[in-house]
């Protein structure tokens, strides 16, 4: 399926493909808010162990965010980008043991997307 999508996108004009891939602020801002809130709550309340349902919600948010391309975010809210990245980075630094293995990869991918989007928003080259 992903291969078919890629072939279809390659066959159409570049500007049309960019329009189809764009993630509007109306979609990214609410997810970034949820990501920030969940990561902060997980960090403060140590929900990783005590509330697995909220960890599952955070994992779902991270999976969706990690599936995005930072360059495809269309006019993202810069404050929400920074807050989400800071909350995730703080959570990532505080995790240890099995929790780190459970969310570490998802957090790393989400941070990669957020850093790319922030660099693009500020016109800095991404790493």
PDB file of N, CA and C in Angstrom:
ATOM      1  N   UNK A   1       0.819  -1.184   0.000  1.00  0.00           N
ATOM      2  CA  UNK A   1       0.000   0.000   0.000  1.00  0.00           C
ATOM      3  C   UNK A   1       0.866   1.251   0.000  1.00  0.00           C
ATOM      4  N   UNK A   2       1.883   1.287   0.881  1.00  0.00           N
ATOM      5  CA  UNK A   2       2.772   2.443   0.961  1.00  0.00           C
ATOM      6  C   UNK A   2       3.541   2.609  -0.349  1.00  0.00           C
ATOM      7  N   UNK A   3       3.910   1.510  -0.980  1.00  0.00           N
ATOM      8  CA  UNK A   3       4.619   1.578  -2.253  1.00  0.00           C
ATOM      9  C   UNK A   3       3.716   2.181  -3.327  1.00  0.00           C
ATOM     10  N   UNK A   4       2.435   1.773  -3.344  1.00  0.00           N
ATOM     11  CA  UNK A   4       1.482   2.328  -4.309  1.00  0.00           C
ATOM     12  C   UNK A   4       1.311   3.821  -4.101  1.00  0.00           C
ATOM     13  N   UNK A   5       1.239   4.248  -2.846  1.00  0.00           N
ATOM     14  CA  UNK A   5       1.104   5.670  -2.538  1.00  0.00           C
ATOM     15  C   UNK A   5       2.327   6.439  -3.026  1.00  0.00           C
ATOM     16  N   UNK A   6       3.508   5.879  -2.773  1.00  0.00           N
ATOM     17  CA  UNK A   6       4.742   6.520  -3.213  1.00  0.00           C
ATOM     18  C   UNK A   6       4.808   6.651  -4.723  1.00  0.00           C
ATOM     19  N   UNK A   7       4.415   5.612  -5.436  1.00  0.00           N
ATOM     20  CA  UNK A   7       4.419   5.653  -6.898  1.00  0.00           C
ATOM     21  C   UNK A   7       3.425   6.688  -7.402  1.00  0.00           C
ATOM     22  N   UNK A   8       2.268   6.758  -6.774  1.00  0.00           N
ATOM     23  CA  UNK A   8       1.253   7.731  -7.157  1.00  0.00           C
ATOM     24  C   UNK A   8       1.755   9.151  -6.937  1.00  0.00           C
ATOM     25  N   UNK A   9       2.393   9.390  -5.796  1.00  0.00           N
ATOM     26  CA  UNK A   9       2.914  10.720  -5.495  1.00  0.00           C
ATOM     27  C   UNK A   9       4.029  11.119  -6.457  1.00  0.00           C
ATOM     28  N   UNK A  10       4.848  10.150  -6.869  1.00  0.00           N
ATOM     29  CA  UNK A  10       5.929  10.446  -7.805  1.00  0.00           C
ATOM     30  C   UNK A  10       5.393  10.775  -9.195  1.00  0.00           C
ATOM     31  N   UNK A  11       4.251  10.211  -9.543  1.00  0.00           N
ATOM     32  CA  UNK A  11       3.698  10.400 -10.874  1.00  0.00           C
ATOM     33  C   UNK A  11       2.982  11.735 -11.034  1.00  0.00           C
ATOM     34  N   UNK A  12       2.639  12.392  -9.938  1.00  0.00           N
ATOM     35  CA  UNK A  12       1.892  13.651 -10.049  1.00  0.00           C
ATOM     36  C   UNK A  12       2.834  14.841  -9.917  1.00  0.00           C
ATOM     37  N   UNK A  13       2.381  16.021 -10.336  1.00  0.00           N
ATOM     38  CA  UNK A  13       3.214  17.222 -10.220  1.00  0.00           C
ATOM     39  C   UNK A  13       3.633  17.459  -8.765  1.00  0.00           C
ATOM     40  N   UNK A  14       4.837  17.973  -8.584  1.00  0.00           N
ATOM     41  CA  UNK A  14       5.413  18.144  -7.244  1.00  0.00           C
ATOM     42  C   UNK A  14       4.557  19.024  -6.346  1.00  0.00           C
ATOM     43  N   UNK A  15       4.005  20.095  -6.892  1.00  0.00           N
ATOM     44  CA  UNK A  15       3.208  20.985  -6.047  1.00  0.00           C
ATOM     45  C   UNK A  15       1.931  20.303  -5.564  1.00  0.00           C
ATOM     46  N   UNK A  16       1.341  19.457  -6.389  1.00  0.00           N
ATOM     47  CA  UNK A  16       0.134  18.718  -6.000  1.00  0.00           C
ATOM     48  C   UNK A  16       0.486  17.669  -4.941  1.00  0.00           C
ATOM     49  N   UNK A  17       1.617  17.005  -5.108  1.00  0.00           N
ATOM     50  CA  UNK A  17       2.055  16.012  -4.124  1.00  0.00           C
ATOM     51  C   UNK A  17       2.298  16.678  -2.768  1.00  0.00           C
ATOM     52  N   UNK A  18       2.917  17.866  -2.777  1.00  0.00           N
ATOM     53  CA  UNK A  18       3.154  18.599  -1.536  1.00  0.00           C
ATOM     54  C   UNK A  18       1.842  18.956  -0.851  1.00  0.00           C
ATOM     55  N   UNK A  19       0.836  19.343  -1.628  1.00  0.00           N
ATOM     56  CA  UNK A  19      -0.471  19.667  -1.054  1.00  0.00           C
ATOM     57  C   UNK A  19      -1.086  18.449  -0.374  1.00  0.00           C
ATOM     58  N   UNK A  20      -0.953  17.292  -1.000  1.00  0.00           N
ATOM     59  CA  UNK A  20      -1.517  16.072  -0.425  1.00  0.00           C
ATOM     60  C   UNK A  20      -0.786  15.633   0.830  1.00  0.00           C
ATOM     61  N   UNK A  21       0.508  15.908   0.898  1.00  0.00           N
ATOM     62  CA  UNK A  21       1.312  15.494   2.044  1.00  0.00           C
ATOM     63  C   UNK A  21       1.260  16.486   3.205  1.00  0.00           C
ATOM     64  N   UNK A  22       0.823  17.707   2.940  1.00  0.00           N
ATOM     65  CA  UNK A  22       0.823  18.751   3.963  1.00  0.00           C
ATOM     66  C   UNK A  22      -0.069  18.363   5.149  1.00  0.00           C
ATOM     67  N   UNK A  23       0.419  18.661   6.332  1.00  0.00           N
ATOM     68  CA  UNK A  23      -0.336  18.432   7.570  1.00  0.00           C
ATOM     69  C   UNK A  23      -0.701  19.817   8.095  1.00  0.00           C
ATOM     70  N   UNK A  24      -1.969  20.200   7.996  1.00  0.00           N
ATOM     71  CA  UNK A  24      -2.359  21.559   8.387  1.00  0.00           C
ATOM     72  C   UNK A  24      -2.287  21.776   9.894  1.00  0.00           C
ATOM     73  N   UNK A  25      -2.166  23.042  10.282  1.00  0.00           N
ATOM     74  CA  UNK A  25      -2.109  23.393  11.700  1.00  0.00           C
ATOM     75  C   UNK A  25      -3.363  22.945  12.434  1.00  0.00           C
ATOM     76  N   UNK A  26      -4.483  22.904  11.740  1.00  0.00           N
ATOM     77  CA  UNK A  26      -5.730  22.460  12.385  1.00  0.00           C
ATOM     78  C   UNK A  26      -5.648  21.005  12.827  1.00  0.00           C
ATOM     79  N   UNK A  27      -4.749  20.241  12.232  1.00  0.00           N
ATOM     80  CA  UNK A  27      -4.539  18.852  12.640  1.00  0.00           C
ATOM     81  C   UNK A  27      -3.349  18.721  13.593  1.00  0.00           C
ATOM     82  N   UNK A  28      -2.279  19.476  13.337  1.00  0.00           N
ATOM     83  CA  UNK A  28      -1.069  19.312  14.145  1.00  0.00           C
ATOM     84  C   UNK A  28      -1.187  19.944  15.529  1.00  0.00           C
ATOM     85  N   UNK A  29      -1.825  21.105  15.644  1.00  0.00           N
ATOM     86  CA  UNK A  29      -1.890  21.790  16.935  1.00  0.00           C
ATOM     87  C   UNK A  29      -2.597  20.966  18.012  1.00  0.00           C
ATOM     88  N   UNK A  30      -3.782  20.397  17.738  1.00  0.00           N
ATOM     89  CA  UNK A  30      -4.413  19.579  18.789  1.00  0.00           C
ATOM     90  C   UNK A  30      -3.566  18.369  19.194  1.00  0.00           C
ATOM     91  N   UNK A  31      -2.896  17.737  18.237  1.00  0.00           N
ATOM     92  CA  UNK A  31      -2.067  16.582  18.577  1.00  0.00           C
ATOM     93  C   UNK A  31      -0.850  17.017  19.383  1.00  0.00           C
ATOM     94  N   UNK A  32      -0.258  18.138  19.028  1.00  0.00           N
ATOM     95  CA  UNK A  32       0.881  18.645  19.789  1.00  0.00           C
ATOM     96  C   UNK A  32       0.454  18.996  21.218  1.00  0.00           C
ATOM     97  N   UNK A  33      -0.734  19.562  21.373  1.00  0.00           N
ATOM     98  CA  UNK A  33      -1.252  19.864  22.723  1.00  0.00           C
ATOM     99  C   UNK A  33      -1.419  18.579  23.531  1.00  0.00           C
ATOM    100  N   UNK A  34      -2.024  17.557  22.911  1.00  0.00           N
ATOM    101  CA  UNK A  34      -2.206  16.275  23.604  1.00  0.00           C
ATOM    102  C   UNK A  34      -0.870  15.665  23.979  1.00  0.00           C
ATOM    103  N   UNK A  35       0.075  15.725  23.055  1.00  0.00           N
ATOM    104  CA  UNK A  35       1.405  15.179  23.296  1.00  0.00           C
ATOM    105  C   UNK A  35       2.047  15.875  24.494  1.00  0.00           C
ATOM    106  N   UNK A  36       1.978  17.205  24.512  1.00  0.00           N
ATOM    107  CA  UNK A  36       2.560  17.972  25.612  1.00  0.00           C
ATOM    108  C   UNK A  36       1.905  17.606  26.938  1.00  0.00           C
ATOM    109  N   UNK A  37       0.583  17.591  26.957  1.00  0.00           N
ATOM    110  CA  UNK A  37      -0.136  17.292  28.192  1.00  0.00           C
ATOM    111  C   UNK A  37       0.165  15.890  28.700  1.00  0.00           C
ATOM    112  N   UNK A  38       0.138  14.918  27.805  1.00  0.00           N
ATOM    113  CA  UNK A  38       0.367  13.529  28.221  1.00  0.00           C
ATOM    114  C   UNK A  38       1.802  13.297  28.673  1.00  0.00           C
ATOM    115  N   UNK A  39       2.762  13.874  27.952  1.00  0.00           N
ATOM    116  CA  UNK A  39       4.165  13.699  28.335  1.00  0.00           C
ATOM    117  C   UNK A  39       4.437  14.370  29.676  1.00  0.00           C
ATOM    118  N   UNK A  40       3.857  15.543  29.883  1.00  0.00           N
ATOM    119  CA  UNK A  40       4.043  16.248  31.150  1.00  0.00           C
ATOM    120  C   UNK A  40       3.403  15.474  32.295  1.00  0.00           C
ATOM    121  N   UNK A  41       2.195  14.984  32.068  1.00  0.00           N
ATOM    122  CA  UNK A  41       1.508  14.205  33.097  1.00  0.00           C
ATOM    123  C   UNK A  41       2.295  12.936  33.414  1.00  0.00           C
ATOM    124  N   UNK A  42       2.806  12.282  32.395  1.00  0.00           N
ATOM    125  CA  UNK A  42       3.580  11.060  32.609  1.00  0.00           C
ATOM    126  C   UNK A  42       4.837  11.361  33.413  1.00  0.00           C
ATOM    127  N   UNK A  43       5.452  12.476  33.135  1.00  0.00           N
ATOM    128  CA  UNK A  43       6.673  12.858  33.844  1.00  0.00           C
ATOM    129  C   UNK A  43       6.368  13.201  35.299  1.00  0.00           C
ATOM    130  N   UNK A  44       5.371  14.029  35.518  1.00  0.00           N
ATOM    131  CA  UNK A  44       5.073  14.503  36.864  1.00  0.00           C
ATOM    132  C   UNK A  44       4.510  13.398  37.744  1.00  0.00           C
ATOM    133  N   UNK A  45       3.562  12.650  37.227  1.00  0.00           N
ATOM    134  CA  UNK A  45       2.867  11.645  38.037  1.00  0.00           C
ATOM    135  C   UNK A  45       3.450  10.246  37.918  1.00  0.00           C
ATOM    136  N   UNK A  46       4.498  10.094  37.138  1.00  0.00           N
ATOM    137  CA  UNK A  46       5.091   8.787  36.903  1.00  0.00           C
ATOM    138  C   UNK A  46       4.031   7.787  36.452  1.00  0.00           C
ATOM    139  N   UNK A  47       3.250   8.193  35.455  1.00  0.00           N
ATOM    140  CA  UNK A  47       2.144   7.381  34.961  1.00  0.00           C
ATOM    141  C   UNK A  47       2.605   6.146  34.213  1.00  0.00           C
ATOM    142  N   UNK A  48       3.855   6.118  33.880  1.00  0.00           N
ATOM    143  CA  UNK A  48       4.367   4.998  33.106  1.00  0.00           C
ATOM    144  C   UNK A  48       4.056   3.677  33.807  1.00  0.00           C
ATOM    145  N   UNK A  49       4.158   3.664  35.122  1.00  0.00           N
ATOM    146  CA  UNK A  49       3.920   2.447  35.877  1.00  0.00           C
ATOM    147  C   UNK A  49       2.500   2.412  36.441  1.00  0.00           C
ATOM    148  N   UNK A  50       2.003   3.545  36.927  1.00  0.00           N
ATOM    149  CA  UNK A  50       0.765   3.537  37.692  1.00  0.00           C
ATOM    150  C   UNK A  50      -0.504   3.638  36.855  1.00  0.00           C
ATOM    151  N   UNK A  51      -0.455   4.165  35.636  1.00  0.00           N
ATOM    152  CA  UNK A  51      -1.669   4.326  34.826  1.00  0.00           C
ATOM    153  C   UNK A  51      -1.405   3.902  33.380  1.00  0.00           C
ATOM    154  N   UNK A  52      -1.430   2.614  33.127  1.00  0.00           N
ATOM    155  CA  UNK A  52      -1.083   2.116  31.789  1.00  0.00           C
ATOM    156  C   UNK A  52      -2.015   2.602  30.683  1.00  0.00           C
ATOM    157  N   UNK A  53      -3.285   2.912  30.984  1.00  0.00           N
ATOM    158  CA  UNK A  53      -4.193   3.390  29.943  1.00  0.00           C
ATOM    159  C   UNK A  53      -3.711   4.725  29.383  1.00  0.00           C
ATOM    160  N   UNK A  54      -3.196   5.594  30.256  1.00  0.00           N
ATOM    161  CA  UNK A  54      -2.688   6.877  29.791  1.00  0.00           C
ATOM    162  C   UNK A  54      -1.367   6.706  29.047  1.00  0.00           C
ATOM    163  N   UNK A  55      -0.586   5.715  29.428  1.00  0.00           N
ATOM    164  CA  UNK A  55       0.631   5.408  28.685  1.00  0.00           C
ATOM    165  C   UNK A  55       0.255   4.951  27.273  1.00  0.00           C
ATOM    166  N   UNK A  56      -0.805   4.150  27.169  1.00  0.00           N
ATOM    167  CA  UNK A  56      -1.271   3.710  25.854  1.00  0.00           C
ATOM    168  C   UNK A  56      -1.705   4.898  25.014  1.00  0.00           C
ATOM    169  N   UNK A  57      -2.374   5.866  25.641  1.00  0.00           N
ATOM    170  CA  UNK A  57      -2.796   7.065  24.906  1.00  0.00           C
ATOM    171  C   UNK A  57      -1.575   7.846  24.430  1.00  0.00           C
ATOM    172  N   UNK A  58      -0.579   8.007  25.302  1.00  0.00           N
ATOM    173  CA  UNK A  58       0.647   8.682  24.918  1.00  0.00           C
ATOM    174  C   UNK A  58       1.337   7.927  23.789  1.00  0.00           C
ATOM    175  N   UNK A  59       1.385   6.603  23.873  1.00  0.00           N
ATOM    176  CA  UNK A  59       2.008   5.799  22.816  1.00  0.00           C
ATOM    177  C   UNK A  59       1.280   6.008  21.490  1.00  0.00           C
ATOM    178  N   UNK A  60      -0.050   6.107  21.524  1.00  0.00           N
ATOM    179  CA  UNK A  60      -0.816   6.366  20.303  1.00  0.00           C
ATOM    180  C   UNK A  60      -0.503   7.723  19.705  1.00  0.00           C
ATOM    181  N   UNK A  61      -0.401   8.739  20.557  1.00  0.00           N
ATOM    182  CA  UNK A  61      -0.056  10.084  20.093  1.00  0.00           C
ATOM    183  C   UNK A  61       1.343  10.077  19.492  1.00  0.00           C
ATOM    184  N   UNK A  62       2.267   9.419  20.174  1.00  0.00           N
ATOM    185  CA  UNK A  62       3.649   9.352  19.674  1.00  0.00           C
ATOM    186  C   UNK A  62       3.720   8.603  18.344  1.00  0.00           C
ATOM    187  N   UNK A  63       2.932   7.548  18.197  1.00  0.00           N
ATOM    188  CA  UNK A  63       2.931   6.796  16.942  1.00  0.00           C
ATOM    189  C   UNK A  63       2.428   7.670  15.793  1.00  0.00           C
ATOM    190  N   UNK A  64       1.352   8.419  16.035  1.00  0.00           N
ATOM    191  CA  UNK A  64       0.854   9.297  14.969  1.00  0.00           C
ATOM    192  C   UNK A  64       1.859  10.387  14.653  1.00  0.00           C
ATOM    193  N   UNK A  65       2.393  11.017  15.678  1.00  0.00           N
ATOM    194  CA  UNK A  65       3.383  12.075  15.472  1.00  0.00           C
ATOM    195  C   UNK A  65       4.613  11.535  14.768  1.00  0.00           C
ATOM    196  N   UNK A  66       5.040  10.347  15.150  1.00  0.00           N
ATOM    197  CA  UNK A  66       6.211   9.732  14.531  1.00  0.00           C
ATOM    198  C   UNK A  66       5.993   9.339  13.086  1.00  0.00           C
ATOM    199  N   UNK A  67       4.738   9.209  12.673  1.00  0.00           N
ATOM    200  CA  UNK A  67       4.457   8.855  11.275  1.00  0.00           C
ATOM    201  C   UNK A  67       4.497  10.072  10.360  1.00  0.00           C
ATOM    202  N   UNK A  68       4.539  11.245  10.935  1.00  0.00           N
ATOM    203  CA  UNK A  68       4.573  12.480  10.139  1.00  0.00           C
ATOM    204  C   UNK A  68       5.993  12.751   9.647  1.00  0.00           C
ATOM    205  N   UNK A  69       6.088  13.618   8.678  1.00  0.00           N
ATOM    206  CA  UNK A  69       7.360  14.169   8.237  1.00  0.00           C
ATOM    207  C   UNK A  69       7.372  15.623   8.692  1.00  0.00           C
ATOM    208  N   UNK A  70       8.384  16.037   9.421  1.00  0.00           N
ATOM    209  CA  UNK A  70       8.441  17.404   9.935  1.00  0.00           C
ATOM    210  C   UNK A  70       8.332  18.455   8.848  1.00  0.00           C
ATOM    211  N   UNK A  71       8.868  18.150   7.678  1.00  0.00           N
ATOM    212  CA  UNK A  71       8.824  19.097   6.571  1.00  0.00           C
ATOM    213  C   UNK A  71       7.418  19.250   5.995  1.00  0.00           C
ATOM    214  N   UNK A  72       6.518  18.340   6.321  1.00  0.00           N
ATOM    215  CA  UNK A  72       5.159  18.399   5.778  1.00  0.00           C
ATOM    216  C   UNK A  72       4.188  19.144   6.677  1.00  0.00           C
ATOM    217  N   UNK A  73       4.640  19.556   7.868  1.00  0.00           N
ATOM    218  CA  UNK A  73       3.765  20.326   8.743  1.00  0.00           C
ATOM    219  C   UNK A  73       3.562  21.703   8.126  1.00  0.00           C
ATOM    220  N   UNK A  74       2.331  22.057   7.903  1.00  0.00           N
ATOM    221  CA  UNK A  74       1.989  23.319   7.260  1.00  0.00           C
ATOM    222  C   UNK A  74       1.625  24.348   8.327  1.00  0.00           C
ATOM    223  N   UNK A  75       2.495  25.329   8.525  1.00  0.00           N
ATOM    224  CA  UNK A  75       2.271  26.422   9.461  1.00  0.00           C
ATOM    225  C   UNK A  75       1.947  25.926  10.867  1.00  0.00           C
ATOM    226  N   UNK A  76       2.815  25.074  11.447  1.00  0.00           N
ATOM    227  CA  UNK A  76       2.540  24.567  12.797  1.00  0.00           C
ATOM    228  C   UNK A  76       2.679  25.685  13.832  1.00  0.00           C
ATOM    229  N   UNK A  77       1.982  25.547  14.937  1.00  0.00           N
ATOM    230  CA  UNK A  77       2.068  26.508  16.033  1.00  0.00           C
ATOM    231  C   UNK A  77       3.459  26.366  16.666  1.00  0.00           C
ATOM    232  N   UNK A  78       4.314  27.389  16.561  1.00  0.00           N
ATOM    233  CA  UNK A  78       5.689  27.257  17.059  1.00  0.00           C
ATOM    234  C   UNK A  78       5.760  27.029  18.568  1.00  0.00           C
ATOM    235  N   UNK A  79       4.828  27.609  19.306  1.00  0.00           N
ATOM    236  CA  UNK A  79       4.816  27.400  20.759  1.00  0.00           C
ATOM    237  C   UNK A  79       4.530  25.943  21.079  1.00  0.00           C
ATOM    238  N   UNK A  80       3.549  25.358  20.389  1.00  0.00           N
ATOM    239  CA  UNK A  80       3.204  23.961  20.648  1.00  0.00           C
ATOM    240  C   UNK A  80       4.335  23.027  20.221  1.00  0.00           C
ATOM    241  N   UNK A  81       5.026  23.347  19.127  1.00  0.00           N
ATOM    242  CA  UNK A  81       6.183  22.544  18.723  1.00  0.00           C
ATOM    243  C   UNK A  81       7.215  22.516  19.848  1.00  0.00           C
ATOM    244  N   UNK A  82       7.539  23.700  20.371  1.00  0.00           N
ATOM    245  CA  UNK A  82       8.564  23.793  21.410  1.00  0.00           C
ATOM    246  C   UNK A  82       8.115  23.118  22.706  1.00  0.00           C
ATOM    247  N   UNK A  83       6.863  23.337  23.097  1.00  0.00           N
ATOM    248  CA  UNK A  83       6.367  22.720  24.333  1.00  0.00           C
ATOM    249  C   UNK A  83       6.327  21.198  24.239  1.00  0.00           C
ATOM    250  N   UNK A  84       5.847  20.690  23.117  1.00  0.00           N
ATOM    251  CA  UNK A  84       5.792  19.236  22.942  1.00  0.00           C
ATOM    252  C   UNK A  84       7.197  18.640  22.963  1.00  0.00           C
ATOM    253  N   UNK A  85       8.119  19.282  22.255  1.00  0.00           N
ATOM    254  CA  UNK A  85       9.499  18.779  22.225  1.00  0.00           C
ATOM    255  C   UNK A  85      10.124  18.814  23.620  1.00  0.00           C
ATOM    256  N   UNK A  86       9.912  19.905  24.352  1.00  0.00           N
ATOM    257  CA  UNK A  86      10.482  20.019  25.700  1.00  0.00           C
ATOM    258  C   UNK A  86       9.892  18.967  26.635  1.00  0.00           C
ATOM    259  N   UNK A  87       8.582  18.768  26.576  1.00  0.00           N
ATOM    260  CA  UNK A  87       7.944  17.775  27.445  1.00  0.00           C
ATOM    261  C   UNK A  87       8.444  16.369  27.131  1.00  0.00           C
ATOM    262  N   UNK A  88       8.565  16.060  25.847  1.00  0.00           N
ATOM    263  CA  UNK A  88       9.042  14.722  25.463  1.00  0.00           C
ATOM    264  C   UNK A  88      10.502  14.523  25.834  1.00  0.00           C
ATOM    265  N   UNK A  89      11.311  15.546  25.628  1.00  0.00           N
ATOM    266  CA  UNK A  89      12.726  15.422  25.960  1.00  0.00           C
ATOM    267  C   UNK A  89      12.891  15.236  27.473  1.00  0.00           C
ATOM    268  N   UNK A  90      12.132  15.988  28.260  1.00  0.00           N
ATOM    269  CA  UNK A  90      12.191  15.843  29.714  1.00  0.00           C
ATOM    270  C   UNK A  90      11.761  14.441  30.136  1.00  0.00           C
ATOM    271  N   UNK A  91      10.653  13.963  29.563  1.00  0.00           N
ATOM    272  CA  UNK A  91      10.186  12.615  29.879  1.00  0.00           C
ATOM    273  C   UNK A  91      11.230  11.577  29.501  1.00  0.00           C
ATOM    274  N   UNK A  92      11.802  11.718  28.324  1.00  0.00           N
ATOM    275  CA  UNK A  92      12.807  10.762  27.836  1.00  0.00           C
ATOM    276  C   UNK A  92      14.017  10.703  28.772  1.00  0.00           C
ATOM    277  N   UNK A  93      14.437  11.864  29.272  1.00  0.00           N
ATOM    278  CA  UNK A  93      15.591  11.908  30.175  1.00  0.00           C
ATOM    279  C   UNK A  93      15.297  11.250  31.521  1.00  0.00           C
ATOM    280  N   UNK A  94      14.048  11.247  31.934  1.00  0.00           N
ATOM    281  CA  UNK A  94      13.681  10.721  33.246  1.00  0.00           C
ATOM    282  C   UNK A  94      13.285   9.249  33.225  1.00  0.00           C
ATOM    283  N   UNK A  95      13.003   8.716  32.060  1.00  0.00           N
ATOM    284  CA  UNK A  95      12.594   7.308  31.968  1.00  0.00           C
ATOM    285  C   UNK A  95      13.776   6.394  32.232  1.00  0.00           C
ATOM    286  N   UNK A  96      13.455   5.223  32.732  1.00  0.00           N
ATOM    287  CA  UNK A  96      14.488   4.219  32.940  1.00  0.00           C
ATOM    288  C   UNK A  96      13.870   2.842  32.891  1.00  0.00           C
ATOM    289  N   UNK A  97      14.703   1.836  32.731  1.00  0.00           N
ATOM    290  CA  UNK A  97      14.246   0.450  32.769  1.00  0.00           C
ATOM    291  C   UNK A  97      13.283   0.099  31.657  1.00  0.00           C
ATOM    292  N   UNK A  98      12.289  -0.738  31.966  1.00  0.00           N
ATOM    293  CA  UNK A  98      11.355  -1.227  30.949  1.00  0.00           C
ATOM    294  C   UNK A  98      10.550  -0.109  30.292  1.00  0.00           C
ATOM    295  N   UNK A  99      10.274   0.969  31.056  1.00  0.00           N
ATOM    296  CA  UNK A  99       9.519   2.065  30.481  1.00  0.00           C
ATOM    297  C   UNK A  99      10.287   2.703  29.330  1.00  0.00           C
ATOM    298  N   UNK A 100      11.591   2.828  29.493  1.00  0.00           N
ATOM    299  CA  UNK A 100      12.409   3.427  28.449  1.00  0.00           C
ATOM    300  C   UNK A 100      12.335   2.595  27.170  1.00  0.00           C
ATOM    301  N   UNK A 101      12.382   1.282  27.330  1.00  0.00           N
ATOM    302  CA  UNK A 101      12.313   0.424  26.153  1.00  0.00           C
ATOM    303  C   UNK A 101      10.937   0.507  25.498  1.00  0.00           C
ATOM    304  N   UNK A 102       9.894   0.664  26.314  1.00  0.00           N
ATOM    305  CA  UNK A 102       8.539   0.703  25.782  1.00  0.00           C
ATOM    306  C   UNK A 102       8.269   1.972  24.993  1.00  0.00           C
ATOM    307  N   UNK A 103       8.745   3.115  25.446  1.00  0.00           N
ATOM    308  CA  UNK A 103       8.433   4.390  24.790  1.00  0.00           C
ATOM    309  C   UNK A 103       9.636   5.070  24.152  1.00  0.00           C
ATOM    310  N   UNK A 104      10.823   4.628  24.470  1.00  0.00           N
ATOM    311  CA  UNK A 104      12.033   5.305  24.004  1.00  0.00           C
ATOM    312  C   UNK A 104      12.099   5.516  22.506  1.00  0.00           C
ATOM    313  N   UNK A 105      11.792   4.479  21.732  1.00  0.00           N
ATOM    314  CA  UNK A 105      11.845   4.594  20.274  1.00  0.00           C
ATOM    315  C   UNK A 105      10.804   5.547  19.738  1.00  0.00           C
ATOM    316  N   UNK A 106       9.593   5.492  20.306  1.00  0.00           N
ATOM    317  CA  UNK A 106       8.526   6.388  19.866  1.00  0.00           C
ATOM    318  C   UNK A 106       8.855   7.837  20.202  1.00  0.00           C
ATOM    319  N   UNK A 107       9.424   8.053  21.395  1.00  0.00           N
ATOM    320  CA  UNK A 107       9.803   9.409  21.791  1.00  0.00           C
ATOM    321  C   UNK A 107      10.896   9.931  20.868  1.00  0.00           C
ATOM    322  N   UNK A 108      11.883   9.109  20.579  1.00  0.00           N
ATOM    323  CA  UNK A 108      12.985   9.540  19.710  1.00  0.00           C
ATOM    324  C   UNK A 108      12.480   9.928  18.320  1.00  0.00           C
ATOM    325  N   UNK A 109      11.587   9.130  17.753  1.00  0.00           N
ATOM    326  CA  UNK A 109      11.051   9.440  16.427  1.00  0.00           C
ATOM    327  C   UNK A 109      10.211  10.715  16.457  1.00  0.00           C
ATOM    328  N   UNK A 110       9.373  10.874  17.502  1.00  0.00           N
ATOM    329  CA  UNK A 110       8.562  12.091  17.621  1.00  0.00           C
ATOM    330  C   UNK A 110       9.458  13.323  17.771  1.00  0.00           C
ATOM    331  N   UNK A 111      10.523  13.201  18.563  1.00  0.00           N
ATOM    332  CA  UNK A 111      11.450  14.329  18.717  1.00  0.00           C
ATOM    333  C   UNK A 111      12.136  14.672  17.395  1.00  0.00           C
ATOM    334  N   UNK A 112      12.451  13.666  16.622  1.00  0.00           N
ATOM    335  CA  UNK A 112      13.055  13.898  15.307  1.00  0.00           C
ATOM    336  C   UNK A 112      12.109  14.726  14.423  1.00  0.00           C
ATOM    337  N   UNK A 113      10.837  14.357  14.410  1.00  0.00           N
ATOM    338  CA  UNK A 113       9.836  15.090  13.631  1.00  0.00           C
ATOM    339  C   UNK A 113       9.721  16.525  14.138  1.00  0.00           C
ATOM    340  N   UNK A 114       9.622  16.691  15.460  1.00  0.00           N
ATOM    341  CA  UNK A 114       9.476  18.027  16.039  1.00  0.00           C
ATOM    342  C   UNK A 114      10.697  18.895  15.782  1.00  0.00           C
ATOM    343  N   UNK A 115      11.885  18.340  15.903  1.00  0.00           N
ATOM    344  CA  UNK A 115      13.102  19.116  15.652  1.00  0.00           C
ATOM    345  C   UNK A 115      13.183  19.550  14.192  1.00  0.00           C
ATOM    346  N   UNK A 116      12.801  18.672  13.281  1.00  0.00           N
ATOM    347  CA  UNK A 116      12.786  19.030  11.863  1.00  0.00           C
ATOM    348  C   UNK A 116      11.796  20.163  11.612  1.00  0.00           C
ATOM    349  N   UNK A 117      10.605  20.044  12.200  1.00  0.00           N
ATOM    350  CA  UNK A 117       9.582  21.079  12.016  1.00  0.00           C
ATOM    351  C   UNK A 117      10.030  22.409  12.616  1.00  0.00           C
ATOM    352  N   UNK A 118      10.670  22.371  13.797  1.00  0.00           N
ATOM    353  CA  UNK A 118      11.147  23.611  14.420  1.00  0.00           C
ATOM    354  C   UNK A 118      12.246  24.249  13.583  1.00  0.00           C
ATOM    355  N   UNK A 119      13.175  23.452  13.098  1.00  0.00           N
ATOM    356  CA  UNK A 119      14.248  23.985  12.267  1.00  0.00           C
ATOM    357  C   UNK A 119      13.681  24.616  10.998  1.00  0.00           C
ATOM    358  N   UNK A 120      12.689  23.966  10.416  1.00  0.00           N
ATOM    359  CA  UNK A 120      12.063  24.490   9.206  1.00  0.00           C
ATOM    360  C   UNK A 120      11.318  25.789   9.502  1.00  0.00           C
ATOM    361  N   UNK A 121      10.615  25.839  10.630  1.00  0.00           N
ATOM    362  CA  UNK A 121       9.860  27.034  11.007  1.00  0.00           C
ATOM    363  C   UNK A 121      10.792  28.218  11.273  1.00  0.00           C
ATOM    364  N   UNK A 122      11.979  27.922  11.761  1.00  0.00           N
ATOM    365  CA  UNK A 122      12.949  28.979  12.074  1.00  0.00           C
ATOM    366  C   UNK A 122      13.965  29.184  10.959  1.00  0.00           C
ATOM    367  N   UNK A 123      13.822  28.440   9.873  1.00  0.00           N
ATOM    368  CA  UNK A 123      14.721  28.499   8.726  1.00  0.00           C
ATOM    369  C   UNK A 123      16.157  28.131   9.088  1.00  0.00           C
ATOM    370  N   UNK A 124      16.311  27.186  10.022  1.00  0.00           N
ATOM    371  CA  UNK A 124      17.615  26.632  10.347  1.00  0.00           C
ATOM    372  C   UNK A 124      17.728  25.284   9.671  1.00  0.00           C
ATOM    373  N   UNK A 125      18.963  24.903   9.278  1.00  0.00           N
ATOM    374  CA  UNK A 125      19.107  23.539   8.730  1.00  0.00           C
ATOM    375  C   UNK A 125      18.898  22.518   9.822  1.00  0.00           C
ATOM    376  N   UNK A 126      18.107  21.462   9.513  1.00  0.00           N
ATOM    377  CA  UNK A 126      17.883  20.401  10.505  1.00  0.00           C
ATOM    378  C   UNK A 126      19.080  19.484  10.566  1.00  0.00           C
ATOM    379  N   UNK A 127      19.187  18.766  11.681  1.00  0.00           N
ATOM    380  CA  UNK A 127      20.332  17.863  11.871  1.00  0.00           C
ATOM    381  C   UNK A 127      20.182  16.605  11.080  1.00  0.00           C
TER     382      UNK A 127
END
